[in-house]
Protein backbone atom coordinates (compact mmCIF):
# COMPACT_ATOMS: atom_id res chain seq x y z
CA MET A 1 -89.25 119.93 73.25
CA THR A 2 -87.96 122.92 72.27
CA ARG A 3 -85.03 121.88 69.34
CA THR A 4 -82.49 123.42 71.40
CA ILE A 5 -83.10 121.05 74.29
CA LYS A 6 -83.01 118.18 71.83
CA LEU A 7 -80.01 118.91 70.52
CA LEU A 8 -78.48 119.33 74.19
CA VAL A 9 -79.73 116.00 75.51
CA VAL A 10 -78.25 114.63 71.83
CA ALA A 11 -74.91 116.31 72.68
CA VAL A 12 -74.74 115.31 76.05
CA THR A 13 -75.65 111.68 75.38
CA LEU A 14 -72.70 111.39 72.94
CA ILE A 15 -70.34 112.80 75.25
CA VAL A 16 -71.22 110.73 78.16
CA ALA A 17 -71.06 107.71 75.67
CA ALA A 18 -67.87 108.35 74.78
CA CYS A 19 -66.61 108.91 78.29
CA ILE A 20 -67.64 105.29 79.01
CA ALA A 21 -66.59 103.60 76.20
CA PRO A 22 -63.95 101.42 76.63
CA THR A 23 -60.32 102.34 75.31
CA PRO A 24 -59.20 100.97 72.11
CA ALA A 25 -56.35 98.56 72.36
CA SER A 26 -53.96 100.71 70.37
CA ALA A 27 -54.65 103.78 72.90
CA GLN A 28 -53.43 100.90 75.76
CA PRO A 29 -50.01 101.02 77.18
CA GLY A 30 -48.19 97.90 75.56
CA TYR A 31 -50.42 98.26 72.41
CA GLY A 32 -49.63 100.28 69.17
CA PRO A 33 -46.85 100.83 67.04
CA PRO A 34 -43.28 99.62 68.64
CA PRO A 35 -40.94 102.08 70.36
CA ARG A 36 -38.07 103.38 68.08
CA ILE A 37 -34.80 104.73 69.07
CA THR A 38 -31.97 106.38 67.50
CA CYS A 39 -28.90 104.65 68.03
CA SER A 40 -25.59 106.58 66.75
CA SER A 41 -22.17 105.48 66.94
CA ASN A 42 -19.82 108.40 67.43
CA ASP A 43 -16.45 108.99 65.96
CA GLY A 44 -16.75 106.03 64.30
CA ASN A 45 -16.72 104.31 67.83
CA ARG A 46 -18.66 101.17 69.40
CA ASN A 47 -21.74 102.95 71.31
CA TRP A 48 -24.71 100.94 73.15
CA CYS A 49 -27.80 101.89 73.51
CA ASP A 50 -30.19 100.92 76.11
CA ILE A 51 -33.30 99.05 74.95
CA GLY A 52 -34.58 97.17 78.43
CA PRO A 53 -34.67 93.64 78.32
CA SER A 54 -35.51 92.87 74.90
CA ARG A 55 -33.10 91.78 72.22
CA ASP A 56 -35.83 92.04 69.22
CA VAL A 57 -34.71 95.12 67.15
CA ARG A 58 -35.09 95.60 63.65
CA LEU A 59 -33.21 98.66 61.84
CA VAL A 60 -36.52 100.94 60.40
CA ARG A 61 -34.25 103.86 58.97
CA GLN A 62 -30.66 104.27 58.32
CA ILE A 63 -29.61 108.00 58.98
CA SER A 64 -25.81 107.63 58.82
CA GLY A 65 -23.73 107.93 55.32
CA SER A 66 -22.15 104.81 57.00
CA ALA A 67 -23.30 101.46 56.20
CA CYS A 68 -25.56 99.99 59.24
CA ILE A 69 -25.27 95.94 58.46
CA LYS A 70 -26.56 93.38 60.88
CA GLY A 71 -24.42 91.80 62.38
CA SER A 72 -21.47 93.82 61.51
CA THR A 73 -21.95 97.73 62.27
CA TRP A 74 -24.70 97.16 64.38
CA GLY A 75 -26.15 94.19 66.72
CA THR A 76 -27.31 93.57 70.19
CA ASP A 77 -25.67 91.42 73.55
CA ARG A 78 -25.71 91.44 77.04
CA ARG A 79 -25.27 95.44 77.02
CA GLY A 80 -27.94 96.18 74.41
CA LEU A 81 -28.04 97.50 71.14
CA TRP A 82 -24.49 98.51 69.73
CA VAL A 83 -23.54 100.69 66.54
CA ASP A 84 -20.36 100.80 65.26
CA ARG A 85 -18.04 102.46 62.55
CA GLY A 86 -20.51 105.04 62.10
CA CYS A 87 -23.61 103.39 61.68
CA ARG A 88 -26.69 106.19 62.92
CA ALA A 89 -30.15 104.68 62.44
CA GLU A 90 -33.46 104.58 63.96
CA PHE A 91 -34.79 101.07 65.30
CA VAL A 92 -37.83 99.22 66.77
CA VAL A 93 -37.74 97.50 69.69
CA ALA A 94 -39.95 95.11 70.18
CA ALA A 95 -41.40 94.31 73.92
CA GLY A 96 -39.83 90.77 75.56
CA GLY A 97 -38.05 88.76 73.18
CA PRO A 98 -35.88 85.99 73.52
CA PRO A 99 -34.42 85.55 76.97
CA PRO A 100 -31.36 86.72 77.74
CA PRO A 101 -28.28 84.36 76.59
CA GLN A 102 -27.29 81.41 79.46
CA TYR A 103 -23.57 82.73 80.39
CA GLY A 104 -22.73 79.17 82.10
CA ALA A 105 -22.26 78.19 78.04
CA PRO A 106 -19.47 79.17 75.96
CA ARG A 107 -19.28 81.28 73.54
CA ILE A 108 -16.40 82.46 70.63
CA VAL A 109 -15.32 85.90 70.32
CA THR A 110 -13.23 87.10 67.56
CA CYS A 111 -10.87 89.49 68.50
CA SER A 112 -8.70 91.30 66.71
CA SER A 113 -5.27 93.76 66.88
CA ASN A 114 -5.89 95.66 63.57
CA ASP A 115 -2.61 97.68 62.44
CA GLY A 116 -0.59 96.27 65.73
CA LYS A 117 -2.54 98.45 67.92
CA ARG A 118 -4.27 97.43 71.05
CA ASN A 119 -7.74 96.87 70.14
CA TRP A 120 -10.42 96.03 73.41
CA CYS A 121 -13.76 93.40 72.45
CA ASP A 122 -16.96 93.36 74.64
CA ILE A 123 -17.16 89.96 76.42
CA GLY A 124 -19.47 91.09 79.05
CA PRO A 125 -18.94 90.56 82.46
CA SER A 126 -17.19 87.34 82.57
CA ARG A 127 -13.16 87.55 82.24
CA ASP A 128 -13.17 83.33 82.16
CA VAL A 129 -11.38 83.14 78.68
CA ARG A 130 -9.39 80.70 77.03
CA LEU A 131 -7.66 80.75 73.72
CA ALA A 132 -9.41 78.69 70.86
CA ARG A 133 -7.41 79.33 67.48
CA GLN A 134 -5.19 81.83 66.50
CA ILE A 135 -5.82 83.35 63.30
CA SER A 136 -3.12 85.84 62.88
CA GLY A 137 0.63 85.22 61.91
CA SER A 138 1.53 87.37 64.95
CA ALA A 139 1.78 85.47 67.78
CA CYS A 140 -0.82 85.67 70.61
CA ILE A 141 0.77 84.93 73.85
CA GLN A 142 -1.47 85.48 77.02
CA GLY A 143 -0.16 88.60 79.42
CA SER A 144 1.88 89.66 76.41
CA THR A 145 -0.09 90.28 73.51
CA TRP A 146 -3.68 89.29 74.81
CA GLY A 147 -5.25 89.52 78.13
CA THR A 148 -8.53 90.49 79.88
CA ASP A 149 -8.90 93.77 82.48
CA ARG A 150 -12.07 96.24 83.18
CA ARG A 151 -12.78 96.77 79.88
CA GLY A 152 -12.76 93.64 78.32
CA LEU A 153 -10.60 90.93 76.53
CA TRP A 154 -7.68 93.21 74.85
CA VAL A 155 -5.17 92.01 71.93
CA ASP A 156 -2.37 93.44 71.16
CA ARG A 157 0.83 93.96 68.42
CA GLY A 158 -1.44 91.84 65.45
CA CYS A 159 -2.71 89.35 67.77
CA ARG A 160 -6.01 88.04 65.95
CA ALA A 161 -7.79 84.82 66.97
CA ASP A 162 -10.99 83.21 68.24
CA PHE A 163 -11.50 83.37 72.14
CA LYS A 164 -14.06 80.92 73.92
CA VAL A 165 -15.46 82.72 76.55
CA ARG A 166 -17.74 81.30 79.64
């Protein structure tokens, strides 16, 4: 065989071997680095970002000048990843994660009317809400200074309290 034919046979052999070799795990779907998403609180308001069924989220890079603090200015709930009060960051979302919360189990939500103005707090789809503990000096009276509507739990005129949501 001539040198050119030998080189051609070697090249074809390497190409065929590369084509039939198994794909490495890192190149297969579901492997490799977890997806990153950027979620931003626009104008200081709470915003939700879709992260699918997973609730296993980790902040990897803060972009905003406003603090991004887990449980205070960012977190997860049944709607997904939320950011608030100007937090803007890049997050890693792991696949799977813990199961969604059981809606039959009651949970406590603290809701506050700041500066005497009406404020809404996310309580998910439930509208079964009870006043558990009043925190403010201002009265918390159902139908007058607190209640529920299509936006969630609302408080008004200085009411601040813990509410039991089923």
